[in-house]
Amino acid sequence: MVDLNAASLGVSQKQLMESSGNAVARVVRNVSQEGSKIAIVCGRGNNGGDAFVSARFLDDFDVEIYLIGRPESIISSVARENWDVLQTCEYVTHVVRDSSDFELNDPDIIIDGLLGTGINGIVREPDRSIIEIMNNANAVIISVDIPSGFDSDKGDIGDSIKSDYIVTFHDMKPGIRKHKNVIVADIGIPKAANIFVGPGDLLPLNRPGDKRKGDFGKVMVIGGGPYTGAPLLCSLGVLRSGADLVYTAVPSSVSSEIQGYSPDIIVEPFEGDMLLPEHVDSLVKIARTRDVVVIGPGLGDEIRTLEAVKIFLESYEGKIVIDADALKAVKEVKSNAEIICTPHKKEFASMGGGKIKDGLSEKMGLVEKLAKKMDVVLLVKGDQDIISNGEITRVNRTGNPGMTVGGTGDILAGVVGGLFCTQDSITASTIAAYVVGKSGDIAVKEKGGFGIISSDILQHIPRSLGVNNE
């Protein structure tokens, strides 16, 4: 994640790969003897690229490099460049297309750059056999970033490299925390890459092909009455975020307008022209059949409506996003729900957070403090969005002044709700802030200036959700 965020800040992947390879080589020097034979076993990903680089810092050793797979299938352009350098400079390299072709020449040290943190599930052939051969060699094994076959969170999941040393980059991965010889190398990733939201934060998003309708989430939006557009925009934000179904619970007085606007929305009207306490029991029963509830867009702040919100929050125990006027009720409620709140600065102050100050660290501190106190995730909207769960605090810098137009907050609440179906609360909030802001930036660029309206943003959300669409 952080390497992509660092790249977006101007620290290129090429710079980081050079630093990573150098860090691996330093460890090799520390644990080896003069004249040691070194085998560098590389996959086609960025771990392989780091290992390619390490060879150039080990020129005084007897080094052989093994690429597992075809050179033309090396995934990243930076890793491919470093492979090409090895060819140009006539290093001893071997291309291994099948495990039966893989034969080590009795190395003293093996650098394991076969598989990285992106592994998902069991290790497949030929990698499984390559790992077995390396494990059976009478050599010290030094793994690049993480042992091949390890899950970065869970650790050894079988058929993994038995590393003597691990050179991991930037920070400790949970899956290798218990390993006895882990060297955490500083490769020059700036602190800002952990603070400011960037394209790396989109990496948790995926859509496996073996899924059915509903697997990516069912969201219930409760809103409307005084305002019709807010629950509509929120519901469209849910769908644009990738959720499969949205059910929009609104007063019957506005239900036909919303249903008539889009056939993609399932409208579930309740009687009257505003949310009232007598509606809550039936809404809670319906909400328990959904994955996430978004409550607030367009509800208004009539006393009986806010009372209904309080009753709902006290009765519902699932995932919920609270926005707009519904935020006026959250301060006085004890709820067992998993809550995300999306206030702007004034709403944040009314929730007990105080006045947002000018300094970034001061803003972050205030939001973190209130999030911890309330045991919620806060996404405080502003020129820089602050997102916190009381422990992790992030800052989003996408977006522009044109997004002060009405409705953008409703879209954001919907996107948060849609992502909350498949992501944890802090991840959903972080991605949503980045994606909606980026969509607004695209809209302004496309229109040639300001004067965008909130619906201009919606069409760009699917594109903005793509990590490779920078």
Protein backbone atom coordinates (compact mmCIF):
# COMPACT_ATOMS: atom_id res chain seq x y z
CA MET A 1 0.00 0.00 0.00
CA VAL A 2 2.52 2.61 1.17
CA ASP A 3 4.77 2.17 -1.85
CA LEU A 4 1.93 3.21 -4.17
CA ASN A 5 1.09 6.10 -1.89
CA ALA A 6 4.75 7.12 -1.85
CA ALA A 7 4.80 7.06 -5.66
CA SER A 8 1.79 9.39 -5.71
CA LEU A 9 3.80 11.76 -3.51
CA GLY A 10 6.74 11.73 -5.92
CA VAL A 11 8.92 8.95 -4.48
CA SER A 12 9.05 6.57 -7.42
CA GLN A 13 8.84 2.81 -7.30
CA LYS A 14 12.22 2.75 -9.00
CA GLN A 15 13.78 4.66 -6.11
CA LEU A 16 12.17 2.35 -3.57
CA MET A 17 13.24 -0.79 -5.43
CA GLU A 18 16.83 0.47 -5.50
CA SER A 19 16.74 1.07 -1.75
CA SER A 20 15.12 -2.32 -1.10
CA GLY A 21 17.70 -4.23 -3.12
CA ASN A 22 20.51 -2.38 -1.38
CA ALA A 23 19.01 -3.23 2.04
CA VAL A 24 18.91 -6.94 1.14
CA ALA A 25 22.51 -6.85 -0.04
CA ARG A 26 23.64 -5.25 3.24
CA VAL A 27 22.16 -8.10 5.23
CA VAL A 28 23.78 -10.64 2.91
CA ARG A 29 27.15 -9.03 3.59
CA ASN A 30 26.56 -9.10 7.35
CA VAL A 31 25.83 -12.84 7.47
CA SER A 32 28.17 -14.13 4.75
CA GLN A 33 31.85 -14.85 4.38
CA GLU A 34 34.17 -13.55 1.68
CA GLY A 35 33.74 -15.45 -1.56
CA SER A 36 30.37 -16.97 -0.65
CA LYS A 37 28.26 -18.41 -3.45
CA ILE A 38 24.90 -16.66 -3.66
CA ALA A 39 21.80 -17.86 -5.51
CA ILE A 40 19.14 -15.19 -6.08
CA VAL A 41 15.77 -16.81 -6.82
CA CYS A 42 13.29 -14.34 -8.28
CA GLY A 43 9.65 -14.32 -9.21
CA ARG A 44 7.99 -12.01 -11.71
CA GLY A 45 6.68 -9.48 -9.21
CA ASN A 46 8.21 -6.58 -7.33
CA ASN A 47 9.89 -8.89 -4.80
CA GLY A 48 11.75 -10.35 -7.75
CA GLY A 49 12.64 -6.82 -8.83
CA ASP A 50 14.10 -6.07 -5.37
CA ALA A 51 16.14 -9.27 -5.64
CA PHE A 52 17.37 -8.32 -9.14
CA VAL A 53 18.68 -5.05 -7.71
CA SER A 54 20.46 -6.81 -4.83
CA ALA A 55 22.71 -8.60 -7.34
CA ARG A 56 24.32 -5.30 -8.41
CA PHE A 57 25.38 -4.62 -4.81
CA LEU A 58 27.03 -8.04 -4.49
CA ASP A 59 29.56 -7.88 -7.33
CA ASP A 60 32.40 -9.18 -5.14
CA PHE A 61 30.50 -12.43 -4.51
CA ASP A 62 29.88 -15.44 -6.76
CA VAL A 63 26.29 -14.63 -7.76
CA GLU A 64 23.79 -16.49 -9.95
CA ILE A 65 20.26 -15.20 -10.60
CA TYR A 66 17.33 -17.48 -11.32
CA LEU A 67 14.13 -16.08 -12.83
CA ILE A 68 11.16 -18.39 -12.32
CA GLY A 69 9.04 -17.75 -15.39
CA ARG A 70 9.45 -15.98 -18.70
CA PRO A 71 11.14 -12.55 -18.77
CA GLU A 72 8.34 -11.10 -20.90
CA SER A 73 5.85 -11.96 -18.13
CA ILE A 74 7.60 -9.88 -15.45
CA ILE A 75 4.71 -7.92 -14.01
CA SER A 76 6.03 -4.42 -13.35
CA SER A 77 7.98 -2.26 -15.77
CA VAL A 78 10.46 -1.30 -13.04
CA ALA A 79 11.26 -4.94 -12.23
CA ARG A 80 11.61 -5.64 -15.96
CA GLU A 81 14.07 -2.76 -16.31
CA ASN A 82 16.21 -4.24 -13.55
CA TRP A 83 16.15 -7.66 -15.22
CA ASP A 84 17.26 -6.03 -18.47
CA VAL A 85 20.15 -4.35 -16.65
CA LEU A 86 21.37 -7.77 -15.52
CA GLN A 87 21.36 -8.96 -19.12
CA THR A 88 23.14 -5.89 -20.44
CA CYS A 89 25.81 -6.16 -17.76
CA GLU A 90 26.18 -9.92 -18.39
CA TYR A 91 25.41 -11.23 -14.94
CA VAL A 92 24.97 -15.00 -14.70
CA THR A 93 21.24 -15.48 -15.12
CA HIS A 94 19.02 -18.53 -15.64
CA VAL A 95 15.45 -18.56 -16.92
CA VAL A 96 13.53 -21.39 -15.27
CA ARG A 97 10.32 -22.30 -17.07
CA ASP A 98 9.59 -25.48 -15.10
CA SER A 99 10.65 -26.76 -11.70
CA SER A 100 12.36 -29.72 -13.37
CA ASP A 101 14.80 -27.20 -14.88
CA PHE A 102 15.64 -25.65 -11.49
CA GLU A 103 18.98 -26.79 -10.11
CA LEU A 104 20.99 -24.84 -7.57
CA ASN A 105 24.78 -25.00 -7.72
CA ASP A 106 25.41 -25.59 -3.99
CA PRO A 107 25.06 -21.96 -2.85
CA ASP A 108 26.06 -20.78 0.61
CA ILE A 109 23.25 -18.21 0.63
CA ILE A 110 19.87 -18.11 -1.12
CA ILE A 111 18.07 -14.81 -1.57
CA ASP A 112 14.36 -15.63 -1.73
CA GLY A 113 12.56 -13.15 -3.98
CA LEU A 114 10.07 -15.62 -5.40
CA LEU A 115 6.69 -14.55 -3.97
CA GLY A 116 5.61 -11.39 -2.17
CA THR A 117 2.77 -10.09 -0.04
CA GLY A 118 0.21 -10.45 -2.82
CA ILE A 119 -0.16 -14.22 -2.43
CA ASN A 120 -3.76 -15.33 -1.98
CA GLY A 121 -4.38 -18.91 -0.90
CA ILE A 122 -2.23 -21.96 -1.46
CA VAL A 123 1.10 -21.90 -3.29
CA ARG A 124 0.78 -23.35 -6.79
CA GLU A 125 3.20 -25.11 -9.07
CA PRO A 126 5.92 -24.58 -10.11
CA ASP A 127 6.44 -22.29 -7.09
CA ARG A 128 5.67 -25.06 -4.59
CA SER A 129 8.42 -27.29 -5.98
CA ILE A 130 10.86 -24.36 -6.23
CA ILE A 131 10.26 -23.60 -2.55
CA GLU A 132 10.84 -27.24 -1.61
CA ILE A 133 14.16 -27.29 -3.48
CA MET A 134 15.30 -24.11 -1.74
CA ASN A 135 14.29 -25.44 1.68
CA ASN A 136 16.24 -28.63 1.09
CA ALA A 137 19.42 -26.80 0.07
CA ASN A 138 22.23 -26.59 2.60
CA ALA A 139 22.23 -22.80 2.56
CA VAL A 140 21.27 -19.75 4.61
CA ILE A 141 17.99 -18.38 3.25
CA ILE A 142 17.35 -14.62 3.29
CA SER A 143 13.83 -13.63 2.25
CA VAL A 144 12.94 -10.37 0.56
CA ASP A 145 10.15 -8.54 2.47
CA ILE A 146 8.32 -11.75 3.42
CA PRO A 147 9.10 -15.48 3.04
CA SER A 148 7.66 -16.88 -0.18
CA GLY A 149 4.39 -18.60 0.59
CA PHE A 150 3.65 -16.53 3.71
CA ASP A 151 0.46 -14.55 4.15
CA SER A 152 1.47 -11.06 5.30
CA ASP A 153 -1.24 -11.09 7.98
CA LYS A 154 -1.58 -14.78 8.90
CA GLY A 155 2.00 -15.95 8.51
CA ASP A 156 2.96 -19.45 7.38
CA ILE A 157 0.05 -21.08 5.58
CA GLY A 158 2.01 -24.12 4.39
CA ASP A 159 4.48 -24.83 1.57
CA SER A 160 6.46 -21.76 2.60
CA ILE A 161 10.14 -20.85 2.61
CA LYS A 162 11.91 -21.61 5.88
CA SER A 163 13.84 -18.38 6.16
CA ASP A 164 16.86 -17.85 8.35
CA TYR A 165 16.55 -14.09 7.91
CA ILE A 166 13.80 -11.80 6.62
CA VAL A 167 14.57 -8.32 5.29
CA THR A 168 11.22 -6.55 5.38
CA PHE A 169 10.66 -2.99 4.25
CA HIS A 170 9.32 0.10 5.99
CA ASP A 171 7.45 -1.63 8.81
CA MET A 172 6.77 -5.01 10.41
CA LYS A 173 4.15 -7.25 8.79
CA PRO A 174 1.88 -9.05 11.26
CA GLY A 175 2.53 -12.43 9.67
CA ILE A 176 6.27 -12.36 10.39
CA ARG A 177 6.18 -10.71 13.80
CA LYS A 178 7.11 -13.96 15.61
CA HIS A 179 10.05 -14.81 13.36
CA LYS A 180 13.33 -14.62 15.30
CA ASN A 181 15.45 -12.83 12.65
CA VAL A 182 13.53 -9.99 11.01
CA ILE A 183 15.37 -6.88 9.84
CA VAL A 184 13.06 -3.92 9.20
CA ALA A 185 14.81 -1.79 6.57
CA ASP A 186 14.12 1.90 6.07
CA ILE A 187 13.90 2.33 2.29
CA GLY A 188 12.96 6.00 2.22
CA ILE A 189 9.17 5.84 2.27
CA PRO A 190 8.11 9.21 3.71
CA LYS A 191 5.90 9.38 6.78
CA ALA A 192 3.33 11.19 4.63
CA ALA A 193 2.65 7.97 2.72
CA ASN A 194 1.09 6.54 5.88
CA ILE A 195 -0.86 9.70 6.68
CA PHE A 196 -2.25 10.86 3.35
CA VAL A 197 -4.70 8.59 1.57
CA GLY A 198 -3.51 7.48 -1.86
CA PRO A 199 -3.97 4.88 -4.58
CA GLY A 200 -2.39 2.20 -2.39
CA ASP A 201 -5.44 2.37 -0.12
CA LEU A 202 -7.54 0.96 -2.95
CA LEU A 203 -5.68 -2.36 -2.95
CA PRO A 204 -8.19 -4.14 -0.65
CA LEU A 205 -10.84 -3.77 -3.36
CA ASN A 206 -11.40 -6.85 -5.50
CA ARG A 207 -14.28 -8.56 -7.28
CA PRO A 208 -13.72 -12.31 -7.68
CA GLY A 209 -15.57 -13.81 -10.63
CA ASP A 210 -17.32 -16.57 -8.68
CA LYS A 211 -19.82 -14.27 -6.95
CA ARG A 212 -23.58 -13.85 -7.21
CA LYS A 213 -25.98 -10.95 -6.87
CA GLY A 214 -25.95 -9.70 -3.32
CA ASP A 215 -22.47 -10.96 -2.42
CA PHE A 216 -21.07 -7.43 -2.64
CA GLY A 217 -23.67 -6.04 -0.31
CA LYS A 218 -27.22 -4.89 0.30
CA VAL A 219 -27.59 -1.38 1.67
CA MET A 220 -30.63 0.28 3.19
CA VAL A 221 -30.82 4.07 2.94
CA ILE A 222 -33.22 5.76 5.38
CA GLY A 223 -33.86 9.39 4.52
CA GLY A 224 -36.04 11.88 2.76
CA GLY A 225 -39.12 13.82 3.66
CA PRO A 226 -38.17 17.50 3.63
CA TYR A 227 -35.62 16.75 0.91
CA THR A 228 -35.99 14.33 -2.00
CA GLY A 229 -32.64 14.61 -3.77
CA ALA A 230 -30.50 13.64 -0.77
CA PRO A 231 -31.65 10.02 -0.35
CA LEU A 232 -31.64 9.63 -4.14
CA LEU A 233 -28.04 10.80 -4.51
CA CYS A 234 -27.00 8.72 -1.52
CA SER A 235 -28.60 5.60 -3.04
CA LEU A 236 -26.88 6.18 -6.38
CA GLY A 237 -23.60 6.61 -4.49
CA VAL A 238 -24.17 3.19 -2.91
CA LEU A 239 -24.58 1.57 -6.32
CA ARG A 240 -21.65 3.41 -7.90
CA SER A 241 -19.42 2.19 -5.05
CA GLY A 242 -19.95 -1.41 -6.10
CA ALA A 243 -22.70 -2.63 -3.76
CA ASP A 244 -25.18 -4.92 -5.50
CA LEU A 245 -28.51 -3.69 -4.15
CA VAL A 246 -29.84 -0.54 -2.51
CA TYR A 247 -33.17 -0.28 -0.73
CA THR A 248 -34.32 3.29 -0.16
CA ALA A 249 -36.72 3.78 2.74
CA VAL A 250 -38.43 7.17 2.39
CA PRO A 251 -41.79 8.72 3.27
CA SER A 252 -44.54 7.78 0.84
CA SER A 253 -44.95 11.47 0.02
CA VAL A 254 -41.65 11.45 -1.93
CA SER A 255 -41.29 7.79 -2.91
CA SER A 256 -42.73 8.12 -6.42
CA GLU A 257 -40.30 10.91 -7.35
CA ILE A 258 -37.32 8.79 -6.30
CA GLN A 259 -38.60 5.63 -7.98
CA GLY A 260 -39.33 7.54 -11.15
CA TYR A 261 -35.79 8.88 -11.35
CA SER A 262 -33.99 5.55 -11.47
CA PRO A 263 -35.08 1.92 -11.96
CA ASP A 264 -31.86 0.81 -10.24
CA ILE A 265 -33.18 1.81 -6.82
CA ILE A 266 -35.60 -0.35 -4.83
CA VAL A 267 -37.88 2.08 -2.99
CA GLU A 268 -39.47 0.95 0.29
CA PRO A 269 -41.89 3.73 1.38
CA PHE A 270 -43.25 4.25 4.86
CA GLU A 271 -46.46 6.20 5.50
CA GLY A 272 -46.50 9.97 5.83
CA ASP A 273 -44.19 12.82 4.94
CA MET A 274 -41.41 12.34 7.53
CA LEU A 275 -39.72 9.69 9.66
CA LEU A 276 -41.56 9.19 12.95
CA PRO A 277 -41.05 6.93 16.00
CA GLU A 278 -43.93 4.67 14.95
CA HIS A 279 -41.99 3.72 11.80
CA VAL A 280 -38.94 2.44 13.62
CA ASP A 281 -39.96 -1.13 14.55
CA SER A 282 -40.68 -2.12 10.96
CA LEU A 283 -37.56 -0.35 9.66
CA VAL A 284 -35.34 -2.17 12.17
CA LYS A 285 -36.77 -5.53 11.12
CA ILE A 286 -36.03 -4.74 7.47
CA ALA A 287 -32.57 -3.37 8.32
CA ARG A 288 -31.58 -6.68 9.92
CA THR A 289 -31.87 -8.30 6.49
CA ARG A 290 -29.40 -5.80 4.96
CA ASP A 291 -25.63 -5.58 5.33
CA VAL A 292 -25.39 -1.84 6.02
CA VAL A 293 -27.76 1.01 6.85
CA VAL A 294 -27.17 4.65 5.88
CA ILE A 295 -29.42 6.99 7.86
CA GLY A 296 -29.82 10.74 7.62
CA PRO A 297 -29.80 12.08 4.04
CA GLY A 298 -32.71 14.49 3.64
CA LEU A 299 -34.45 13.52 6.90
CA GLY A 300 -34.64 17.04 8.32
CA ASP A 301 -34.38 17.92 12.01
CA GLU A 302 -37.98 17.87 13.19
CA ILE A 303 -38.06 16.82 16.87
CA ARG A 304 -40.08 13.64 16.24
CA THR A 305 -37.75 12.64 13.41
CA LEU A 306 -34.69 12.97 15.62
CA GLU A 307 -36.46 10.93 18.29
CA ALA A 308 -37.07 8.23 15.70
CA VAL A 309 -33.38 8.25 14.80
CA LYS A 310 -32.44 7.79 18.46
CA ILE A 311 -34.79 4.85 18.83
CA PHE A 312 -33.44 3.27 15.65
CA LEU A 313 -29.81 3.62 16.78
CA GLU A 314 -30.62 2.09 20.17
CA SER A 315 -32.42 -0.84 18.54
CA TYR A 316 -30.15 -1.68 15.61
CA GLU A 317 -26.90 -3.63 16.14
CA GLY A 318 -25.46 -3.93 12.64
CA LYS A 319 -23.28 -1.69 10.48
CA ILE A 320 -24.53 1.86 10.10
CA VAL A 321 -23.43 5.11 8.47
CA ILE A 322 -24.86 8.24 10.11
CA ASP A 323 -25.00 11.44 8.06
CA ALA A 324 -26.63 14.87 7.91
CA ASP A 325 -29.39 15.67 10.41
CA ALA A 326 -29.23 12.17 11.95
CA LEU A 327 -25.87 13.22 13.44
CA LYS A 328 -27.80 15.46 15.84
CA ALA A 329 -29.09 12.35 17.58
CA VAL A 330 -25.91 10.30 17.86
CA LYS A 331 -24.36 12.20 20.77
CA GLU A 332 -27.16 11.23 23.14
CA VAL A 333 -27.43 7.56 22.15
CA LYS A 334 -25.87 4.37 23.47
CA SER A 335 -25.74 1.97 20.58
CA ASN A 336 -24.30 -1.49 19.98
CA ALA A 337 -24.08 -0.84 16.26
CA GLU A 338 -20.79 -0.52 14.36
CA ILE A 339 -20.94 3.16 13.46
CA ILE A 340 -19.37 5.47 10.90
CA CYS A 341 -20.26 9.17 11.19
CA THR A 342 -19.69 11.59 8.30
CA PRO A 343 -19.96 15.13 9.74
CA HIS A 344 -18.72 18.40 8.31
CA LYS A 345 -16.91 20.81 10.64
CA LYS A 346 -19.99 22.36 12.25
CA GLU A 347 -21.63 18.97 12.77
CA PHE A 348 -18.39 17.68 14.29
CA ALA A 349 -18.39 20.56 16.77
CA SER A 350 -22.02 19.90 17.73
CA MET A 351 -21.14 16.25 18.37
CA GLY A 352 -18.70 17.40 21.06
CA GLY A 353 -15.52 17.55 19.02
CA GLY A 354 -14.90 21.28 19.37
CA LYS A 355 -13.93 23.78 16.72
CA ILE A 356 -11.67 22.37 14.02
CA LYS A 357 -8.38 24.26 14.14
CA ASP A 358 -6.08 25.29 11.31
CA GLY A 359 -3.05 23.09 11.96
CA LEU A 360 -3.22 19.60 10.44
CA SER A 361 -1.83 17.80 13.48
CA GLU A 362 -4.30 19.66 15.70
CA LYS A 363 -7.20 18.66 13.43
CA MET A 364 -6.08 15.05 13.45
CA GLY A 365 -5.78 15.08 17.24
CA LEU A 366 -9.29 16.46 17.76
CA VAL A 367 -10.90 13.94 15.41
CA GLU A 368 -8.94 11.05 16.88
CA LYS A 369 -9.91 12.05 20.40
CA LEU A 370 -13.65 12.19 19.66
CA ALA A 371 -13.59 8.97 17.63
CA LYS A 372 -11.98 7.16 20.54
CA LYS A 373 -14.38 8.68 23.06
CA MET A 374 -17.47 7.73 21.02
CA ASP A 375 -16.05 4.40 19.81
CA VAL A 376 -16.95 5.21 16.20
CA VAL A 377 -15.19 5.96 12.96
CA LEU A 378 -15.33 9.63 12.04
CA LEU A 379 -14.98 10.97 8.52
CA VAL A 380 -14.86 14.72 9.02
CA LYS A 381 -15.40 16.46 5.69
CA GLY A 382 -13.45 19.56 4.76
CA ASP A 383 -10.78 20.92 2.47
CA GLN A 384 -8.79 18.00 3.90
CA ASP A 385 -10.93 15.13 5.13
CA ILE A 386 -9.84 13.62 8.44
CA ILE A 387 -10.67 9.95 9.03
CA SER A 388 -10.09 8.24 12.38
CA ASN A 389 -11.18 5.27 14.48
CA GLY A 390 -9.42 6.62 17.57
CA GLU A 391 -6.19 4.76 16.83
CA ILE A 392 -5.55 5.12 13.11
CA THR A 393 -5.94 8.63 11.69
CA ARG A 394 -5.65 9.44 7.99
CA VAL A 395 -5.94 12.57 5.86
CA ASN A 396 -7.50 12.75 2.40
CA ARG A 397 -6.46 15.54 0.06
CA THR A 398 -8.49 14.75 -3.07
CA GLY A 399 -11.39 17.05 -3.87
CA ASN A 400 -11.74 20.74 -4.70
CA PRO A 401 -13.78 23.85 -3.81
CA GLY A 402 -16.33 23.03 -6.52
CA MET A 403 -17.52 20.18 -4.34
CA THR A 404 -19.16 22.53 -1.86
CA VAL A 405 -22.27 22.18 -4.04
CA GLY A 406 -25.20 20.46 -2.35
CA GLY A 407 -25.44 16.68 -2.61
CA THR A 408 -21.77 15.73 -2.55
CA GLY A 409 -22.01 14.76 1.11
CA ASP A 410 -25.00 12.53 0.34
CA ILE A 411 -23.01 10.78 -2.37
CA LEU A 412 -20.11 10.33 0.03
CA ALA A 413 -22.36 8.75 2.67
CA GLY A 414 -23.66 6.33 0.04
CA VAL A 415 -20.17 5.38 -1.12
CA VAL A 416 -19.11 4.80 2.49
CA GLY A 417 -22.16 2.58 2.99
CA GLY A 418 -21.52 0.58 -0.16
CA LEU A 419 -17.87 -0.04 0.69
CA PHE A 420 -18.75 -0.85 4.31
CA CYS A 421 -20.45 -4.01 3.01
CA THR A 422 -17.10 -5.56 2.09
CA GLN A 423 -14.51 -3.53 4.04
CA ASP A 424 -13.91 -2.71 7.68
CA SER A 425 -15.11 0.67 8.89
CA ILE A 426 -11.82 2.60 8.71
CA THR A 427 -10.94 1.17 5.29
CA ALA A 428 -14.40 1.89 3.86
CA SER A 429 -14.29 5.48 5.11
CA THR A 430 -10.74 6.08 3.89
CA ILE A 431 -11.38 4.72 0.40
CA ALA A 432 -14.70 6.58 0.09
CA ALA A 433 -13.18 9.95 0.96
CA TYR A 434 -10.40 9.45 -1.58
CA VAL A 435 -12.64 8.15 -4.35
CA VAL A 436 -15.37 10.79 -4.07
CA GLY A 437 -12.79 13.58 -3.92
CA LYS A 438 -10.96 12.16 -6.92
CA SER A 439 -14.26 11.87 -8.82
CA GLY A 440 -14.89 15.54 -8.10
CA ASP A 441 -11.43 16.40 -9.41
CA ILE A 442 -12.11 14.50 -12.63
CA ALA A 443 -15.48 16.21 -13.00
CA VAL A 444 -13.93 19.68 -12.65
CA LYS A 445 -11.19 18.82 -15.13
CA GLU A 446 -13.72 17.45 -17.59
CA LYS A 447 -16.03 20.47 -17.33
CA GLY A 448 -13.18 22.92 -17.69
CA GLY A 449 -13.72 24.73 -14.40
CA PHE A 450 -16.12 24.93 -11.51
CA GLY A 451 -19.90 24.90 -11.70
CA ILE A 452 -20.13 21.13 -11.38
CA ILE A 453 -23.21 19.61 -9.79
CA SER A 454 -23.24 16.60 -7.53
CA SER A 455 -24.57 14.23 -10.20
CA ASP A 456 -21.46 15.04 -12.30
CA ILE A 457 -19.42 13.25 -9.65
CA LEU A 458 -21.40 10.00 -9.69
CA GLN A 459 -20.36 8.88 -13.15
CA HIS A 460 -16.66 9.03 -12.27
CA ILE A 461 -16.80 6.92 -9.10
CA PRO A 462 -16.29 3.51 -10.82
CA ARG A 463 -13.22 4.85 -12.62
CA SER A 464 -11.85 6.38 -9.42
CA LEU A 465 -12.16 3.05 -7.62
CA GLY A 466 -9.53 1.56 -9.93
CA VAL A 467 -6.03 1.56 -8.39
CA ASN A 468 -4.41 1.62 -11.83
CA ASN A 469 -6.45 4.54 -13.14
CA GLU A 470 -4.23 7.36 -11.94
